[in-house]
Each structure stands twice: as structure tokens, then as C-alpha cells.
Amino acid sequence: MRIAITGASGFIGSRLAEEFRAQGHTVSAVRLRENPVLSPSDAVVHLAGENLAQRWNLAAKREIRASRVDGTRRLVDAIAQSAERPSVLVSASAIGIYGNRGDELLTERSVPASGFLGELCQAWEAAADEAAPLGVRVVKLRIGLVLGPHGGALARMIPAFKLGAGARLGSGKQWVSWIHIADLAGMVRFAIENPALAGAVNAVAPGPVRNTKFTRELARALRRPAFAVIPEFGLKLLFGEMSTVLLDSVRVTPEAALAAGFRFWYPDLAPALRAALAPE
């Protein structure tokens, strides 16, 4: 199979490219320049986008939105102009589409939120949906906190936890919806290979946890204490509006993936953390 990937050099994209090549597929990296060129492909995986982990001033918001919404539109234009269109587009989205929902159990049918991140994700997904009239099956993976070695959120957390400075965030009651990178890669493959799967798919493990438990389990996996607390006002001072990513309670279940028959390697947090932290 010929698979094109945007964001192929990133944390998730590099893992996918490595796995696809190991399985004998041909992988091509696509750069979303002004006029991206798409080589003949059977599937396109769209992961490119400006990093959300920064202060969301006006310039940053413009860049984040442009990279996701305008970048996705450029990709769809490239698909439209391709002499041989792919059969499927698997496009990244984020569980930030749901916003801060307390203890509500969220499925793909839950109403999206307002606010910068919720509206960004809705526009991002709408841009991907523009490929559907071209005869391309569109799968939008609403990705949670990705756990894996060599990058992502864990790479930013581990130094503090190793120093014994791991901390609960705010009240610690907020739900954290996560997924091991091996399961995320598996879900991308599953989305490509299953023609009945289309639309929004929550790319999270079936075992969301509260921030307090996540902090405790990560500290335990690293054999370090974690007694500190970073108060909500401190996070808002440090990160501004972006602190909502850390403080919002988003309790998500992978209803569509489970219904379609997807099975997780790491449905529970403690084994997922051990696997993510194990030396390769």
C-alpha cells in the first residue's frame, strides 16, 4: 500500500512511518507548502499542525488555526488535483473539541464546545470533510494525551517527575483521556483498513483517569514521590489561556472504535506508562 503522511517527522508521524515501512508499505512524506504535491497514494494520514503547547496570544492563535484549517484545505486541494486519488484520508483532530465537561462521559455523538480550541477542532474537521465529495472516505481521529517514548507529553513531564517534583494540576479532579502511541498507530492502521469506518473516532483508551491518579501512576512508574500541587492560578499565570488544555475535564470513551471491533493493547494506564517508559 502507498501511504502519504503529513507531519511524518513528528512524534506520532515518525512512529507511523517506521511501522508502515516495516510492514512493507511505501511511505511518502508530504509537506504542506503553498501548493503541496501529492504522489499517487492509497491512503493519506494527516498529522501536521503547529504545536498547541505555547501561550495562545493572537499571533499564536492565527498560526495554530492556519496550520490546521488552512493546511488541511491545501491537502484536500492536492487530493482533488491528484491523478489518482486515495481511497481514505485519516485526519488528526483532538478531544479538545469537547471542552471542559466535568464528569460527563463523552462519545463521538457529544456536542462540541465553544471557545478557541473547540471551534478550532470543528473548523479543522470541517476542512477534512471537504475530501468526502471527492469520493474519499474521511476518518477524523480525536486524539487524547499520547503516551510514548521519545516525545509528546511524557517527554515534558519526566524531568520534573524524576526530580521528585511531579505535581497534581489544580484540583486534580479533572479527567485525563489518554492513549498509548502503539494503540494510536494501531487505530490509524485500523482506520485505513476498515472501509466501514468513517467520521469522528475518539482516539483514546477506554480507561480515562483523574489527574490525581495520572500523577500518582506516573510517579509510581518512575519510582519517585509526587506530593506537589500546581494551583490553577499558577497554571494560568504560566500558560495563559492554554492552561485550559491542562485543567479542562474531558472524560472521553472510544465508542466508535470499540463498536467497529478495534482492540487495545493498553486499555489501562499503569501498564501503558510502564511500556512507554521502558528502555527500547
Protein backbone atom coordinates (compact mmCIF):
# COMPACT_ATOMS: atom_id res chain seq x y z
CA MET A 1 0.00 0.00 0.00
CA ARG A 2 1.15 3.55 -0.76
CA ILE A 3 0.67 5.80 2.25
CA ALA A 4 1.30 9.57 2.32
CA ILE A 5 1.84 11.23 5.70
CA THR A 6 1.89 14.90 6.67
CA GLY A 7 3.86 15.58 9.83
CA ALA A 8 5.90 12.45 9.10
CA SER A 9 8.91 13.68 11.10
CA GLY A 10 6.92 14.38 14.28
CA PHE A 11 6.41 12.28 17.39
CA ILE A 12 3.41 10.37 16.02
CA GLY A 13 4.26 10.57 12.32
CA SER A 14 7.74 9.11 12.69
CA ARG A 15 6.36 6.14 14.64
CA LEU A 16 3.72 5.54 11.97
CA ALA A 17 6.19 5.84 9.10
CA GLU A 18 8.52 3.33 10.77
CA GLU A 19 5.72 0.83 11.36
CA PHE A 20 4.27 1.16 7.86
CA ARG A 21 7.68 0.62 6.26
CA ALA A 22 8.31 -2.41 8.49
CA GLN A 23 5.04 -3.86 7.20
CA GLY A 24 6.19 -3.44 3.60
CA HIS A 25 4.18 -0.33 2.71
CA THR A 26 5.58 2.56 0.69
CA VAL A 27 5.59 5.78 2.72
CA SER A 28 5.94 9.29 1.35
CA ALA A 29 6.18 12.48 3.41
CA VAL A 30 4.01 15.41 2.33
CA ARG A 31 4.96 19.00 3.17
CA LEU A 32 2.03 21.38 3.30
CA ARG A 33 3.61 24.23 1.37
CA GLU A 34 1.53 26.73 -0.58
CA ASN A 35 0.95 24.14 -3.31
CA PRO A 36 1.66 20.68 -1.87
CA VAL A 37 2.18 17.87 -4.36
CA LEU A 38 0.64 14.51 -3.54
CA SER A 39 2.13 11.46 -5.22
CA PRO A 40 -0.29 8.64 -6.14
CA SER A 41 -1.40 7.18 -2.80
CA ASP A 42 -3.86 4.64 -1.49
CA ALA A 43 -4.20 6.41 1.86
CA VAL A 44 -3.30 9.78 3.35
CA VAL A 45 -2.61 10.32 7.06
CA HIS A 46 -2.75 13.98 8.04
CA LEU A 47 -0.91 14.87 11.26
CA ALA A 48 0.77 18.21 10.56
CA GLY A 49 -0.03 21.22 12.73
CA GLU A 50 1.53 23.96 14.85
CA ASN A 51 2.27 22.92 18.43
CA LEU A 52 -0.55 23.77 20.86
CA ALA A 53 1.82 23.82 23.86
CA GLN A 54 2.56 27.55 23.82
CA ARG A 55 0.92 30.73 25.08
CA TRP A 56 -2.11 31.46 22.93
CA ASN A 57 -1.59 35.11 22.06
CA LEU A 58 -3.25 36.44 18.92
CA ALA A 59 -0.29 35.64 16.68
CA ALA A 60 -0.02 32.10 18.05
CA LYS A 61 -3.75 31.51 17.58
CA ARG A 62 -3.54 32.67 13.97
CA GLU A 63 -0.61 30.33 13.31
CA ILE A 64 -2.27 27.38 15.04
CA ARG A 65 -5.50 27.88 13.10
CA ALA A 66 -3.72 28.42 9.78
CA SER A 67 -1.59 25.32 10.19
CA ARG A 68 -4.59 23.10 10.93
CA VAL A 69 -7.50 24.56 9.00
CA ASP A 70 -5.74 26.15 6.02
CA GLY A 71 -3.17 23.34 5.92
CA THR A 72 -5.95 20.75 5.75
CA ARG A 73 -7.65 22.66 2.95
CA ARG A 74 -4.39 22.72 0.98
CA LEU A 75 -4.09 18.98 1.45
CA VAL A 76 -7.65 18.41 0.23
CA ASP A 77 -6.91 20.62 -2.80
CA ALA A 78 -3.87 18.45 -3.52
CA ILE A 79 -6.07 15.34 -3.29
CA ALA A 80 -8.57 16.92 -5.70
CA GLN A 81 -5.80 17.63 -8.20
CA SER A 82 -4.21 14.21 -7.90
CA ALA A 83 -4.49 11.99 -10.95
CA GLU A 84 -5.03 9.01 -8.65
CA ARG A 85 -6.97 9.90 -5.54
CA PRO A 86 -6.54 7.99 -2.27
CA SER A 87 -9.44 5.93 -1.00
CA VAL A 88 -9.13 7.24 2.57
CA LEU A 89 -7.98 10.31 4.47
CA VAL A 90 -7.23 9.78 8.16
CA SER A 91 -7.02 13.27 9.63
CA ALA A 92 -5.95 14.19 13.15
CA SER A 93 -8.27 16.17 15.38
CA ALA A 94 -8.29 16.47 19.17
CA ILE A 95 -10.52 15.74 22.16
CA GLY A 96 -10.31 19.46 22.86
CA ILE A 97 -13.37 19.65 20.61
CA TYR A 98 -15.47 18.68 23.67
CA GLY A 99 -14.24 21.39 26.03
CA ASN A 100 -14.49 21.28 29.83
CA ARG A 101 -17.30 18.80 30.60
CA GLY A 102 -16.76 17.70 34.21
CA ASP A 103 -17.78 14.07 34.79
CA GLU A 104 -19.86 13.77 31.59
CA LEU A 105 -18.91 10.66 29.61
CA LEU A 106 -18.23 11.87 26.08
CA THR A 107 -18.75 9.93 22.85
CA GLU A 108 -18.40 10.92 19.22
CA ARG A 109 -22.05 11.98 19.37
CA SER A 110 -21.45 14.55 22.13
CA VAL A 111 -21.99 18.22 21.24
CA PRO A 112 -18.77 20.16 20.50
CA ALA A 113 -17.76 23.07 22.72
CA SER A 114 -17.34 26.77 22.01
CA GLY A 115 -14.11 28.61 22.77
CA PHE A 116 -10.85 28.69 20.86
CA LEU A 117 -9.93 25.00 20.98
CA GLY A 118 -13.44 23.65 20.45
CA GLU A 119 -14.09 25.94 17.50
CA LEU A 120 -10.62 25.24 16.07
CA CYS A 121 -11.25 21.50 16.11
CA GLN A 122 -14.65 21.92 14.46
CA ALA A 123 -13.15 24.00 11.64
CA TRP A 124 -10.24 21.54 11.33
CA GLU A 125 -12.64 18.60 10.96
CA ALA A 126 -14.86 20.52 8.53
CA ALA A 127 -11.81 21.16 6.32
CA ALA A 128 -11.05 17.42 6.29
CA ASP A 129 -14.68 16.65 5.43
CA GLU A 130 -14.22 18.58 2.18
CA ALA A 131 -12.47 15.46 0.85
CA ALA A 132 -15.66 13.39 1.12
CA PRO A 133 -17.34 14.84 -2.04
CA LEU A 134 -14.17 13.78 -3.91
CA GLY A 135 -15.01 10.14 -3.19
CA VAL A 136 -12.53 9.87 -0.31
CA ARG A 137 -13.55 8.19 2.94
CA VAL A 138 -12.72 10.58 5.79
CA VAL A 139 -11.84 9.43 9.32
CA LYS A 140 -11.22 12.15 11.92
CA LEU A 141 -9.25 10.87 14.90
CA ARG A 142 -9.96 12.93 18.01
CA ILE A 143 -6.68 12.27 19.78
CA GLY A 144 -6.16 12.45 23.53
CA LEU A 145 -2.93 12.65 25.54
CA VAL A 146 -0.45 10.40 23.70
CA LEU A 147 1.91 8.30 25.84
CA GLY A 148 5.11 7.05 24.27
CA PRO A 149 8.89 7.23 24.41
CA HIS A 150 10.99 9.92 22.74
CA GLY A 151 8.45 12.73 22.63
CA GLY A 152 4.99 14.05 23.33
CA ALA A 153 3.64 14.97 26.74
CA LEU A 154 5.70 12.41 28.68
CA ALA A 155 8.97 13.90 27.43
CA ARG A 156 7.93 17.22 29.00
CA MET A 157 6.75 15.62 32.26
CA ILE A 158 9.51 13.12 33.00
CA PRO A 159 12.34 15.53 34.01
CA ALA A 160 10.27 17.11 36.78
CA PHE A 161 8.96 13.74 37.99
CA LYS A 162 12.47 12.27 38.07
CA LEU A 163 13.50 15.12 40.35
CA GLY A 164 10.62 14.31 42.67
CA ALA A 165 8.82 17.46 41.57
CA GLY A 166 5.88 15.78 39.86
CA ALA A 167 2.72 17.66 40.68
CA ARG A 168 -1.02 17.38 40.62
CA LEU A 169 -2.55 20.09 38.42
CA GLY A 170 -5.17 22.27 40.03
CA SER A 171 -7.79 20.28 41.94
CA GLY A 172 -6.64 17.06 40.30
CA LYS A 173 -10.28 16.09 39.80
CA GLN A 174 -10.25 16.75 36.05
CA TRP A 175 -10.45 13.69 33.80
CA VAL A 176 -7.48 12.88 31.57
CA SER A 177 -8.19 10.89 28.40
CA TRP A 178 -5.02 9.27 27.07
CA ILE A 179 -3.77 6.67 24.58
CA HIS A 180 -0.52 4.74 24.21
CA ILE A 181 1.24 5.54 20.95
CA ALA A 182 1.18 1.86 19.94
CA ASP A 183 -2.61 1.90 20.15
CA LEU A 184 -2.81 5.21 18.28
CA ALA A 185 -0.67 3.75 15.49
CA GLY A 186 -2.89 0.68 15.52
CA MET A 187 -6.00 2.84 15.29
CA VAL A 188 -4.60 4.66 12.25
CA ARG A 189 -3.94 1.31 10.57
CA PHE A 190 -7.41 0.10 11.57
CA ALA A 191 -8.99 3.23 10.09
CA ILE A 192 -7.15 2.72 6.81
CA GLU A 193 -8.00 -0.98 6.55
CA ASN A 194 -11.70 -0.87 7.55
CA PRO A 195 -13.84 0.67 4.80
CA ALA A 196 -16.92 0.81 7.05
CA LEU A 197 -15.25 3.23 9.46
CA ALA A 198 -15.84 6.93 8.70
CA GLY A 199 -16.44 10.20 10.52
CA ALA A 200 -15.28 11.11 14.01
CA VAL A 201 -13.42 8.48 16.04
CA ASN A 202 -12.21 9.11 19.59
CA ALA A 203 -8.55 8.04 19.69
CA VAL A 204 -8.33 7.42 23.44
CA ALA A 205 -8.02 4.37 25.65
CA PRO A 206 -11.20 3.11 27.33
CA GLY A 207 -9.79 3.92 30.79
CA PRO A 208 -9.69 7.71 31.37
CA VAL A 209 -8.42 8.71 34.82
CA ARG A 210 -8.48 11.78 37.01
CA ASN A 211 -5.37 13.96 37.03
CA THR A 212 -4.63 12.90 40.62
CA LYS A 213 -4.42 9.24 39.56
CA PHE A 214 -2.42 10.04 36.44
CA THR A 215 0.12 11.93 38.58
CA ARG A 216 0.29 9.11 41.11
CA GLU A 217 0.72 6.39 38.47
CA LEU A 218 3.45 8.27 36.60
CA ALA A 219 5.34 8.89 39.84
CA ARG A 220 4.99 5.21 40.76
CA ALA A 221 6.25 4.10 37.33
CA LEU A 222 9.31 6.32 37.80
CA ARG A 223 9.70 5.31 41.48
CA ARG A 224 9.58 8.89 42.62
CA PRO A 225 7.34 10.80 45.05
CA ALA A 226 4.83 13.31 43.75
CA PHE A 227 3.36 15.38 46.55
CA ALA A 228 3.41 18.83 44.95
CA VAL A 229 0.41 20.75 43.67
CA ILE A 230 0.45 23.43 40.98
CA PRO A 231 -2.60 25.59 41.72
CA GLU A 232 -4.97 26.63 38.98
CA PHE A 233 -3.98 30.31 39.23
CA GLY A 234 -0.31 29.34 38.85
CA LEU A 235 -1.01 27.42 35.65
CA LYS A 236 -2.98 30.36 34.29
CA LEU A 237 -0.10 32.72 35.07
CA LEU A 238 2.38 30.39 33.37
CA PHE A 239 0.40 29.41 30.30
CA GLY A 240 -2.48 31.85 29.95
CA GLU A 241 -5.46 30.54 28.00
CA MET A 242 -3.53 27.42 27.01
CA SER A 243 -3.85 26.24 30.63
CA THR A 244 -7.33 25.01 29.69
CA VAL A 245 -5.63 22.05 27.98
CA LEU A 246 -4.24 21.06 31.41
CA LEU A 247 -7.24 21.96 33.55
CA ASP A 248 -10.27 21.02 31.45
CA SER A 249 -12.02 17.80 32.44
CA VAL A 250 -12.53 15.69 29.31
CA ARG A 251 -13.79 12.16 30.04
CA VAL A 252 -13.85 10.51 26.63
CA THR A 253 -14.73 6.96 25.60
CA PRO A 254 -13.70 5.35 22.25
CA GLU A 255 -17.23 4.27 21.39
CA ALA A 256 -16.84 4.23 17.59
CA ALA A 257 -13.53 2.32 17.60
CA LEU A 258 -14.80 -0.34 20.02
CA ALA A 259 -18.05 -0.75 18.08
CA ALA A 260 -16.04 -1.28 14.89
CA GLY A 261 -14.01 -4.05 16.55
CA PHE A 262 -10.77 -2.27 17.49
CA ARG A 263 -8.90 -3.87 20.39
CA PHE A 264 -6.42 -2.01 22.58
CA TRP A 265 -3.01 -3.28 23.61
CA TYR A 266 -3.03 -0.87 26.55
CA PRO A 267 -6.53 -0.18 27.88
CA ASP A 268 -5.27 0.61 31.39
CA LEU A 269 -2.94 3.41 32.48
CA ALA A 270 -0.35 1.67 34.67
CA PRO A 271 0.74 -0.90 32.01
CA ALA A 272 0.65 1.82 29.35
CA LEU A 273 3.02 4.01 31.37
CA ARG A 274 5.37 1.11 32.07
CA ALA A 275 5.51 0.32 28.36
CA ALA A 276 6.03 3.95 27.42
CA LEU A 277 8.86 4.34 29.91
CA ALA A 278 10.59 1.00 29.24
CA PRO A 279 14.01 1.25 27.52
CA GLU A 280 13.86 0.15 23.90
